Amino acid sequence: QSPDQLHNFAKVCNRLKLKYPNFKLNLRALGTVDSFLRTRDSNPEVIRDLVSAGFNSVGFGVDGMTPQVWKALKKNHNTEEKCIESIRSAKEDFGITPELLMVFGHAGVDTAETLQVAYAFTQDMVDLYGAVPRPHIAKSFVPGNAGWVDPKNADVVELLIQNPEAFQSLDFTAMPST
């Protein structure tokens, strides 16, 4: 959603709160660090009005903490400085609880070192800003990503299609699978 769309949504919610005093929302959103910082810098009233409407938690897709991991995941827009600033600003400037969506264990990308850096960053953000960690296990393929249509995964994809109950193992919050 654009800042204008979000602002309109916040205004509608705030009007409802005025009309119906018992009307309460508890809103959580997902966003990129770039979109949050851009909105903060150019339209801070949008965030303030969303907070007034009930927006109290934002999950930032951090997904690693090294340029190599971000490049491989096509998250080149992330930098350590932007991640820290968005998390700090959400908490200190707006009173929003920051969440760190951190997908760990990307095959062929993550190493023991990149995992340690991501873990240490997550712990620092918890300690400094009360961020809520949202760790997830990387999956090499899920419906809709490049791995799903990669011919080398065709046998496993077919196995999943023949056994729909196995799709649960693709859940990012499920235990790691081979």
N, C-alpha and C. Protein backbone atom coordinates (compact mmCIF):
# COMPACT_ATOMS: atom_id res chain seq x y z
N GLN A 1 0.83 -1.17 0.00
CA GLN A 1 0.00 0.00 0.00
C GLN A 1 0.88 1.24 0.00
N SER A 2 0.38 2.27 -0.64
CA SER A 2 1.11 3.54 -0.67
C SER A 2 0.84 4.30 0.62
N PRO A 3 1.70 5.28 0.94
CA PRO A 3 1.42 6.11 2.12
C PRO A 3 0.03 6.76 2.06
N ASP A 4 -0.41 7.18 0.86
CA ASP A 4 -1.74 7.79 0.75
C ASP A 4 -2.84 6.79 1.11
N GLN A 5 -2.71 5.55 0.61
CA GLN A 5 -3.71 4.53 0.93
C GLN A 5 -3.71 4.23 2.43
N LEU A 6 -2.52 4.12 3.02
CA LEU A 6 -2.44 3.86 4.46
C LEU A 6 -3.00 5.01 5.26
N HIS A 7 -2.75 6.23 4.80
CA HIS A 7 -3.26 7.40 5.51
C HIS A 7 -4.79 7.42 5.46
N ASN A 8 -5.36 7.12 4.30
CA ASN A 8 -6.82 7.05 4.20
C ASN A 8 -7.39 5.99 5.13
N PHE A 9 -6.75 4.85 5.18
CA PHE A 9 -7.17 3.78 6.09
C PHE A 9 -7.13 4.26 7.54
N ALA A 10 -6.05 4.92 7.92
CA ALA A 10 -5.92 5.42 9.30
C ALA A 10 -7.01 6.43 9.61
N LYS A 11 -7.31 7.30 8.68
CA LYS A 11 -8.35 8.31 8.90
C LYS A 11 -9.71 7.67 9.11
N VAL A 12 -10.02 6.65 8.31
CA VAL A 12 -11.30 5.94 8.47
C VAL A 12 -11.35 5.28 9.85
N CYS A 13 -10.29 4.62 10.23
CA CYS A 13 -10.25 3.97 11.55
C CYS A 13 -10.40 4.98 12.67
N ASN A 14 -9.72 6.10 12.56
CA ASN A 14 -9.80 7.12 13.61
C ASN A 14 -11.19 7.75 13.68
N ARG A 15 -11.87 7.89 12.54
CA ARG A 15 -13.25 8.39 12.56
C ARG A 15 -14.16 7.38 13.26
N LEU A 16 -13.95 6.09 12.98
CA LEU A 16 -14.74 5.05 13.64
C LEU A 16 -14.52 5.09 15.16
N LYS A 17 -13.29 5.32 15.58
CA LYS A 17 -12.99 5.38 17.01
C LYS A 17 -13.71 6.55 17.67
N LEU A 18 -13.85 7.66 16.95
CA LEU A 18 -14.59 8.81 17.49
C LEU A 18 -16.08 8.51 17.58
N LYS A 19 -16.60 7.88 16.56
CA LYS A 19 -18.04 7.58 16.51
C LYS A 19 -18.42 6.47 17.48
N TYR A 20 -17.55 5.47 17.60
CA TYR A 20 -17.82 4.31 18.45
C TYR A 20 -16.69 4.17 19.47
N PRO A 21 -16.86 4.73 20.66
CA PRO A 21 -15.76 4.74 21.65
C PRO A 21 -15.20 3.36 22.00
N ASN A 22 -15.98 2.31 21.85
CA ASN A 22 -15.49 0.98 22.18
C ASN A 22 -14.78 0.30 21.00
N PHE A 23 -14.72 0.98 19.86
CA PHE A 23 -14.06 0.44 18.67
C PHE A 23 -12.55 0.53 18.87
N LYS A 24 -11.89 -0.62 18.88
CA LYS A 24 -10.45 -0.65 19.07
C LYS A 24 -9.82 -1.59 18.06
N LEU A 25 -8.66 -1.20 17.59
CA LEU A 25 -7.90 -2.04 16.68
C LEU A 25 -6.54 -2.31 17.27
N ASN A 26 -6.02 -3.47 16.95
CA ASN A 26 -4.67 -3.86 17.33
C ASN A 26 -4.00 -4.30 16.04
N LEU A 27 -3.31 -3.35 15.38
CA LEU A 27 -2.79 -3.59 14.04
C LEU A 27 -1.31 -3.91 14.03
N ARG A 28 -0.97 -4.89 13.22
CA ARG A 28 0.41 -5.27 12.98
C ARG A 28 0.62 -5.23 11.48
N ALA A 29 1.78 -4.76 11.07
CA ALA A 29 2.06 -4.67 9.64
C ALA A 29 3.43 -5.25 9.34
N LEU A 30 3.65 -5.56 8.08
CA LEU A 30 4.95 -5.98 7.59
C LEU A 30 5.44 -4.89 6.65
N GLY A 31 6.74 -4.64 6.66
CA GLY A 31 7.26 -3.61 5.78
C GLY A 31 8.75 -3.77 5.56
N THR A 32 9.21 -3.10 4.53
CA THR A 32 10.65 -3.06 4.31
C THR A 32 11.22 -1.89 5.10
N VAL A 33 12.48 -1.98 5.42
CA VAL A 33 13.11 -0.86 6.14
C VAL A 33 13.06 0.39 5.27
N ASP A 34 13.24 0.23 3.95
CA ASP A 34 13.19 1.39 3.04
C ASP A 34 11.83 2.08 3.07
N SER A 35 10.76 1.31 2.95
CA SER A 35 9.43 1.94 2.90
C SER A 35 9.11 2.64 4.21
N PHE A 36 9.50 2.04 5.33
CA PHE A 36 9.25 2.68 6.61
C PHE A 36 10.02 3.99 6.72
N LEU A 37 11.31 3.96 6.40
CA LEU A 37 12.13 5.17 6.52
C LEU A 37 11.68 6.24 5.54
N ARG A 38 11.31 5.85 4.34
CA ARG A 38 10.83 6.81 3.35
C ARG A 38 9.56 7.50 3.84
N THR A 39 8.64 6.71 4.38
CA THR A 39 7.40 7.28 4.90
C THR A 39 7.68 8.15 6.11
N ARG A 40 8.53 7.69 6.98
CA ARG A 40 8.90 8.49 8.16
C ARG A 40 9.46 9.85 7.75
N ASP A 41 10.30 9.86 6.74
CA ASP A 41 10.96 11.10 6.33
C ASP A 41 10.06 12.02 5.53
N SER A 42 9.17 11.45 4.70
CA SER A 42 8.36 12.30 3.83
C SER A 42 6.93 12.50 4.31
N ASN A 43 6.40 11.56 5.08
CA ASN A 43 5.02 11.62 5.54
C ASN A 43 4.87 11.09 6.96
N PRO A 44 5.57 11.66 7.94
CA PRO A 44 5.48 11.10 9.30
C PRO A 44 4.07 11.11 9.88
N GLU A 45 3.22 12.02 9.38
CA GLU A 45 1.85 12.07 9.88
C GLU A 45 1.10 10.79 9.56
N VAL A 46 1.48 10.11 8.48
CA VAL A 46 0.85 8.83 8.14
C VAL A 46 1.11 7.82 9.26
N ILE A 47 2.34 7.74 9.69
CA ILE A 47 2.67 6.78 10.76
C ILE A 47 1.99 7.20 12.06
N ARG A 48 2.03 8.48 12.37
CA ARG A 48 1.37 8.94 13.61
C ARG A 48 -0.13 8.63 13.60
N ASP A 49 -0.79 8.86 12.46
CA ASP A 49 -2.23 8.58 12.38
C ASP A 49 -2.51 7.08 12.43
N LEU A 50 -1.61 6.27 11.85
CA LEU A 50 -1.77 4.83 11.95
C LEU A 50 -1.63 4.37 13.41
N VAL A 51 -0.67 4.94 14.12
CA VAL A 51 -0.50 4.60 15.54
C VAL A 51 -1.76 4.98 16.31
N SER A 52 -2.30 6.15 16.03
CA SER A 52 -3.53 6.58 16.68
C SER A 52 -4.69 5.62 16.38
N ALA A 53 -4.68 5.05 15.19
CA ALA A 53 -5.73 4.10 14.80
C ALA A 53 -5.57 2.74 15.46
N GLY A 54 -4.36 2.43 15.97
CA GLY A 54 -4.15 1.15 16.63
C GLY A 54 -2.96 0.35 16.11
N PHE A 55 -2.20 0.94 15.21
CA PHE A 55 -1.00 0.28 14.67
C PHE A 55 0.07 0.28 15.75
N ASN A 56 0.48 -0.93 16.18
CA ASN A 56 1.42 -0.97 17.30
C ASN A 56 2.61 -1.90 17.11
N SER A 57 2.68 -2.57 15.95
CA SER A 57 3.78 -3.50 15.73
C SER A 57 4.09 -3.59 14.24
N VAL A 58 5.39 -3.52 13.91
CA VAL A 58 5.79 -3.62 12.51
C VAL A 58 6.90 -4.65 12.38
N GLY A 59 6.71 -5.57 11.44
CA GLY A 59 7.72 -6.59 11.17
C GLY A 59 8.56 -6.19 9.98
N PHE A 60 9.85 -6.04 10.22
CA PHE A 60 10.78 -5.67 9.16
C PHE A 60 11.44 -6.93 8.62
N GLY A 61 11.41 -7.11 7.30
CA GLY A 61 12.07 -8.25 6.67
C GLY A 61 13.57 -8.02 6.59
N VAL A 62 14.27 -8.38 7.66
CA VAL A 62 15.72 -8.17 7.72
C VAL A 62 16.44 -9.27 6.95
N ASP A 63 16.12 -10.52 7.23
CA ASP A 63 16.63 -11.67 6.48
C ASP A 63 18.13 -11.65 6.23
N GLY A 64 18.88 -11.74 7.29
CA GLY A 64 20.34 -11.76 7.18
C GLY A 64 20.93 -10.44 7.64
N MET A 65 22.24 -10.39 7.71
CA MET A 65 22.88 -9.15 8.14
C MET A 65 24.19 -8.89 7.41
N THR A 66 24.35 -9.51 6.24
CA THR A 66 25.57 -9.26 5.47
C THR A 66 25.19 -8.90 4.05
N PRO A 67 25.99 -8.06 3.41
CA PRO A 67 25.70 -7.72 2.01
C PRO A 67 25.61 -8.94 1.10
N GLN A 68 26.42 -9.97 1.38
CA GLN A 68 26.40 -11.17 0.55
C GLN A 68 25.04 -11.87 0.62
N VAL A 69 24.50 -12.00 1.83
CA VAL A 69 23.21 -12.65 2.00
C VAL A 69 22.12 -11.80 1.36
N TRP A 70 22.14 -10.50 1.63
CA TRP A 70 21.11 -9.62 1.05
C TRP A 70 21.14 -9.66 -0.48
N LYS A 71 22.33 -9.68 -1.05
CA LYS A 71 22.43 -9.73 -2.52
C LYS A 71 21.82 -11.03 -3.04
N ALA A 72 22.15 -12.13 -2.42
CA ALA A 72 21.63 -13.43 -2.86
C ALA A 72 20.11 -13.51 -2.72
N LEU A 73 19.57 -12.82 -1.72
CA LEU A 73 18.12 -12.85 -1.48
C LEU A 73 17.38 -11.73 -2.21
N LYS A 74 18.12 -10.95 -2.98
CA LYS A 74 17.56 -9.81 -3.71
C LYS A 74 16.97 -8.77 -2.76
N LYS A 75 17.68 -8.57 -1.65
CA LYS A 75 17.31 -7.55 -0.67
C LYS A 75 18.45 -6.53 -0.57
N ASN A 76 18.96 -6.14 -1.74
CA ASN A 76 20.08 -5.20 -1.77
C ASN A 76 19.76 -3.86 -1.12
N HIS A 77 18.48 -3.56 -0.96
CA HIS A 77 18.10 -2.30 -0.33
C HIS A 77 18.43 -2.28 1.16
N ASN A 78 18.60 -3.45 1.77
CA ASN A 78 18.92 -3.50 3.20
C ASN A 78 20.38 -3.13 3.43
N THR A 79 20.61 -2.36 4.48
CA THR A 79 21.95 -2.12 5.02
C THR A 79 21.82 -2.20 6.52
N GLU A 80 22.92 -2.42 7.18
CA GLU A 80 22.88 -2.47 8.65
C GLU A 80 22.36 -1.15 9.20
N GLU A 81 22.84 -0.04 8.64
CA GLU A 81 22.43 1.28 9.13
C GLU A 81 20.92 1.49 8.97
N LYS A 82 20.36 1.12 7.82
CA LYS A 82 18.92 1.29 7.60
C LYS A 82 18.12 0.38 8.54
N CYS A 83 18.60 -0.85 8.72
CA CYS A 83 17.89 -1.76 9.62
C CYS A 83 17.85 -1.21 11.03
N ILE A 84 19.00 -0.76 11.52
CA ILE A 84 19.05 -0.20 12.88
C ILE A 84 18.16 1.03 12.98
N GLU A 85 18.25 1.91 12.00
CA GLU A 85 17.48 3.16 12.07
C GLU A 85 15.98 2.92 12.02
N SER A 86 15.54 1.97 11.19
CA SER A 86 14.10 1.71 11.14
C SER A 86 13.61 1.10 12.45
N ILE A 87 14.38 0.20 13.02
CA ILE A 87 14.01 -0.43 14.29
C ILE A 87 14.01 0.61 15.42
N ARG A 88 15.06 1.42 15.47
CA ARG A 88 15.15 2.47 16.49
C ARG A 88 14.00 3.46 16.36
N SER A 89 13.77 3.91 15.14
CA SER A 89 12.75 4.92 14.91
C SER A 89 11.35 4.40 15.23
N ALA A 90 11.05 3.17 14.82
CA ALA A 90 9.74 2.60 15.12
C ALA A 90 9.49 2.67 16.62
N LYS A 91 10.47 2.24 17.40
CA LYS A 91 10.31 2.18 18.85
C LYS A 91 10.34 3.57 19.49
N GLU A 92 11.41 4.31 19.21
CA GLU A 92 11.63 5.57 19.93
C GLU A 92 10.81 6.74 19.40
N ASP A 93 10.62 6.82 18.10
CA ASP A 93 9.91 7.96 17.53
C ASP A 93 8.40 7.78 17.51
N PHE A 94 7.93 6.52 17.43
CA PHE A 94 6.50 6.29 17.25
C PHE A 94 5.89 5.36 18.29
N GLY A 95 6.70 4.72 19.14
CA GLY A 95 6.16 3.80 20.14
C GLY A 95 5.64 2.51 19.55
N ILE A 96 6.13 2.15 18.38
CA ILE A 96 5.72 0.91 17.70
C ILE A 96 6.72 -0.19 18.06
N THR A 97 6.21 -1.36 18.38
CA THR A 97 7.09 -2.49 18.66
C THR A 97 7.68 -3.01 17.36
N PRO A 98 9.02 -2.97 17.23
CA PRO A 98 9.63 -3.52 16.02
C PRO A 98 9.78 -5.03 16.12
N GLU A 99 9.53 -5.71 15.02
CA GLU A 99 9.75 -7.15 14.93
C GLU A 99 10.82 -7.38 13.87
N LEU A 100 11.67 -8.36 14.10
CA LEU A 100 12.70 -8.72 13.13
C LEU A 100 12.34 -10.04 12.48
N LEU A 101 11.89 -9.99 11.24
CA LEU A 101 11.64 -11.22 10.49
C LEU A 101 12.98 -11.65 9.91
N MET A 102 13.50 -12.73 10.44
CA MET A 102 14.84 -13.18 10.08
C MET A 102 14.74 -14.62 9.60
N VAL A 103 14.95 -14.81 8.29
CA VAL A 103 14.96 -16.15 7.74
C VAL A 103 16.41 -16.63 7.76
N PHE A 104 16.64 -17.73 8.45
CA PHE A 104 17.98 -18.28 8.64
C PHE A 104 18.18 -19.54 7.81
N GLY A 105 19.41 -19.77 7.37
CA GLY A 105 19.78 -21.05 6.79
C GLY A 105 19.53 -21.20 5.31
N HIS A 106 19.76 -20.15 4.54
CA HIS A 106 19.58 -20.23 3.09
C HIS A 106 20.67 -21.12 2.49
N ALA A 107 20.26 -22.18 1.82
CA ALA A 107 21.19 -23.14 1.23
C ALA A 107 22.10 -22.43 0.23
N GLY A 108 23.41 -22.67 0.36
CA GLY A 108 24.37 -22.08 -0.55
C GLY A 108 24.64 -20.61 -0.33
N VAL A 109 24.02 -20.03 0.69
CA VAL A 109 24.17 -18.59 0.96
C VAL A 109 24.70 -18.39 2.37
N ASP A 110 23.95 -18.90 3.35
CA ASP A 110 24.36 -18.71 4.74
C ASP A 110 25.55 -19.59 5.09
N THR A 111 26.38 -19.06 5.96
CA THR A 111 27.51 -19.79 6.52
C THR A 111 27.41 -19.67 8.03
N ALA A 112 28.26 -20.39 8.73
CA ALA A 112 28.28 -20.26 10.19
C ALA A 112 28.51 -18.79 10.57
N GLU A 113 29.36 -18.11 9.83
CA GLU A 113 29.66 -16.70 10.14
C GLU A 113 28.46 -15.79 9.89
N THR A 114 27.77 -15.96 8.73
CA THR A 114 26.62 -15.08 8.46
C THR A 114 25.49 -15.34 9.44
N LEU A 115 25.33 -16.59 9.84
CA LEU A 115 24.30 -16.91 10.83
C LEU A 115 24.63 -16.28 12.18
N GLN A 116 25.90 -16.29 12.56
CA GLN A 116 26.31 -15.69 13.83
C GLN A 116 26.10 -14.18 13.81
N VAL A 117 26.43 -13.54 12.69
CA VAL A 117 26.24 -12.09 12.57
C VAL A 117 24.74 -11.75 12.68
N ALA A 118 23.89 -12.51 11.99
CA ALA A 118 22.45 -12.27 12.05
C ALA A 118 21.90 -12.50 13.45
N TYR A 119 22.36 -13.54 14.10
CA TYR A 119 21.93 -13.82 15.47
C TYR A 119 22.35 -12.71 16.42
N ALA A 120 23.60 -12.27 16.32
CA ALA A 120 24.10 -11.21 17.20
C ALA A 120 23.32 -9.91 16.97
N PHE A 121 23.03 -9.59 15.71
CA PHE A 121 22.25 -8.39 15.42
C PHE A 121 20.87 -8.48 16.04
N THR A 122 20.23 -9.63 15.87
CA THR A 122 18.90 -9.83 16.45
C THR A 122 18.94 -9.63 17.96
N GLN A 123 19.91 -10.22 18.62
CA GLN A 123 20.03 -10.08 20.07
C GLN A 123 20.26 -8.62 20.46
N ASP A 124 21.09 -7.91 19.71
CA ASP A 124 21.32 -6.49 20.00
C ASP A 124 20.04 -5.68 19.89
N MET A 125 19.24 -5.95 18.87
CA MET A 125 17.99 -5.18 18.68
C MET A 125 16.97 -5.52 19.77
N VAL A 126 16.98 -6.75 20.23
CA VAL A 126 16.13 -7.11 21.37
C VAL A 126 16.55 -6.33 22.59
N ASP A 127 17.86 -6.32 22.86
CA ASP A 127 18.38 -5.65 24.05
C ASP A 127 18.22 -4.13 23.98
N LEU A 128 18.49 -3.54 22.83
CA LEU A 128 18.47 -2.08 22.71
C LEU A 128 17.08 -1.49 22.54
N TYR A 129 16.22 -2.16 21.76
CA TYR A 129 14.93 -1.55 21.38
C TYR A 129 13.72 -2.42 21.68
N GLY A 130 13.91 -3.50 22.40
CA GLY A 130 12.78 -4.37 22.72
C GLY A 130 12.17 -5.02 21.49
N ALA A 131 12.98 -5.19 20.45
CA ALA A 131 12.48 -5.82 19.22
C ALA A 131 12.06 -7.25 19.51
N VAL A 132 11.07 -7.71 18.78
CA VAL A 132 10.58 -9.07 18.93
C VAL A 132 11.17 -9.90 17.78
N PRO A 133 11.99 -10.90 18.10
CA PRO A 133 12.54 -11.73 17.03
C PRO A 133 11.49 -12.66 16.45
N ARG A 134 11.47 -12.76 15.13
CA ARG A 134 10.57 -13.67 14.43
C ARG A 134 11.44 -14.53 13.50
N PRO A 135 12.15 -15.51 14.07
CA PRO A 135 13.03 -16.35 13.24
C PRO A 135 12.23 -17.37 12.44
N HIS A 136 12.71 -17.62 11.23
CA HIS A 136 12.10 -18.61 10.36
C HIS A 136 13.21 -19.42 9.70
N ILE A 137 12.90 -20.63 9.34
CA ILE A 137 13.84 -21.51 8.68
C ILE A 137 13.68 -21.35 7.17
N ALA A 138 14.79 -21.11 6.47
CA ALA A 138 14.74 -20.94 5.02
C ALA A 138 14.30 -22.24 4.36
N LYS A 139 13.57 -22.10 3.30
CA LYS A 139 13.13 -23.23 2.48
C LYS A 139 13.63 -22.96 1.07
N SER A 140 14.25 -23.96 0.46
CA SER A 140 14.82 -23.79 -0.88
C SER A 140 13.76 -23.55 -1.94
N PHE A 141 12.59 -24.11 -1.72
CA PHE A 141 11.52 -23.86 -2.68
C PHE A 141 10.18 -23.93 -1.97
N VAL A 142 9.33 -23.03 -2.38
CA VAL A 142 7.93 -22.99 -1.96
C VAL A 142 7.14 -22.56 -3.19
N PRO A 143 5.85 -22.88 -3.23
CA PRO A 143 5.07 -22.45 -4.40
C PRO A 143 5.22 -20.95 -4.63
N GLY A 144 5.58 -20.62 -5.87
CA GLY A 144 5.69 -19.22 -6.24
C GLY A 144 7.11 -18.69 -6.33
N ASN A 145 8.10 -19.40 -5.76
CA ASN A 145 9.47 -18.89 -5.88
C ASN A 145 10.21 -19.61 -7.00
N ALA A 146 11.42 -19.12 -7.28
CA ALA A 146 12.20 -19.67 -8.38
C ALA A 146 12.54 -21.15 -8.16
N GLY A 147 12.76 -21.54 -6.92
CA GLY A 147 13.07 -22.94 -6.64
C GLY A 147 11.94 -23.88 -6.99
N TRP A 148 10.71 -23.39 -6.91
CA TRP A 148 9.55 -24.22 -7.20
C TRP A 148 9.53 -24.64 -8.67
N VAL A 149 9.98 -23.78 -9.56
CA VAL A 149 9.94 -24.09 -10.99
C VAL A 149 11.29 -24.57 -11.52
N ASP A 150 12.28 -24.65 -10.65
CA ASP A 150 13.60 -25.13 -11.06
C ASP A 150 13.50 -26.62 -11.39
N PRO A 151 13.91 -27.03 -12.60
CA PRO A 151 13.80 -28.44 -13.00
C PRO A 151 14.48 -29.41 -12.03
N LYS A 152 15.52 -28.98 -11.33
CA LYS A 152 16.19 -29.91 -10.41
C LYS A 152 15.30 -30.28 -9.22
N ASN A 153 14.24 -29.51 -8.98
CA ASN A 153 13.33 -29.82 -7.87
C ASN A 153 12.04 -30.49 -8.35
N ALA A 154 11.94 -30.81 -9.62
CA ALA A 154 10.70 -31.33 -10.19
C ALA A 154 10.20 -32.59 -9.48
N ASP A 155 11.10 -33.50 -9.13
CA ASP A 155 10.68 -34.74 -8.47
C ASP A 155 10.06 -34.46 -7.11
N VAL A 156 10.67 -33.56 -6.36
CA VAL A 156 10.15 -33.25 -5.02
C VAL A 156 8.84 -32.48 -5.13
N VAL A 157 8.75 -31.55 -6.08
CA VAL A 157 7.50 -30.82 -6.28
C VAL A 157 6.39 -31.80 -6.63
N GLU A 158 6.66 -32.73 -7.51
CA GLU A 158 5.65 -33.73 -7.87
C GLU A 158 5.25 -34.56 -6.65
N LEU A 159 6.21 -34.93 -5.82
CA LEU A 159 5.92 -35.68 -4.61
C LEU A 159 4.99 -34.88 -3.69
N LEU A 160 5.25 -33.59 -3.57
CA LEU A 160 4.38 -32.73 -2.75
C LEU A 160 2.97 -32.67 -3.33
N ILE A 161 2.88 -32.53 -4.64
CA ILE A 161 1.56 -32.44 -5.27
C ILE A 161 0.79 -33.74 -5.07
N GLN A 162 1.49 -34.86 -5.11
CA GLN A 162 0.83 -36.15 -4.91
C GLN A 162 0.48 -36.40 -3.44
N ASN A 163 1.12 -35.67 -2.54
CA ASN A 163 0.90 -35.83 -1.08
C ASN A 163 0.69 -34.46 -0.45
N PRO A 164 -0.48 -33.87 -0.63
CA PRO A 164 -0.72 -32.50 -0.15
C PRO A 164 -0.46 -32.29 1.34
N GLU A 165 -0.60 -33.36 2.14
CA GLU A 165 -0.34 -33.21 3.57
C GLU A 165 1.12 -32.82 3.84
N ALA A 166 2.00 -33.11 2.90
CA ALA A 166 3.42 -32.79 3.08
C ALA A 166 3.71 -31.30 2.90
N PHE A 167 2.76 -30.52 2.37
CA PHE A 167 2.97 -29.08 2.21
C PHE A 167 3.27 -28.40 3.54
N GLN A 168 2.81 -28.99 4.61
CA GLN A 168 3.07 -28.40 5.93
C GLN A 168 4.57 -28.25 6.18
N SER A 169 5.37 -29.12 5.61
CA SER A 169 6.82 -29.03 5.83
C SER A 169 7.42 -27.80 5.15
N LEU A 170 6.67 -27.15 4.27
CA LEU A 170 7.15 -25.93 3.63
C LEU A 170 6.86 -24.69 4.46
N ASP A 171 6.11 -24.83 5.54
CA ASP A 171 5.81 -23.71 6.42
C ASP A 171 7.13 -23.16 6.97
N PHE A 172 7.33 -21.85 6.84
CA PHE A 172 8.57 -21.25 7.30
C PHE A 172 8.76 -21.36 8.81
N THR A 173 7.70 -21.60 9.53
CA THR A 173 7.83 -21.76 10.98
C THR A 173 7.91 -23.21 11.40
N ALA A 174 7.90 -24.11 10.40
CA ALA A 174 8.01 -25.55 10.70
C ALA A 174 9.47 -25.91 10.96
N MET A 175 9.66 -27.08 11.48
CA MET A 175 11.02 -27.58 11.69
C MET A 175 11.73 -27.71 10.35
N PRO A 176 13.04 -27.56 10.34
CA PRO A 176 13.79 -27.70 9.09
C PRO A 176 13.57 -29.06 8.47
N SER A 177 13.56 -29.07 7.15
CA SER A 177 13.43 -30.33 6.44
C SER A 177 14.58 -30.42 5.43
N THR A 178 14.87 -31.63 4.99
CA THR A 178 15.93 -31.78 4.00
C THR A 178 15.53 -31.12 2.70
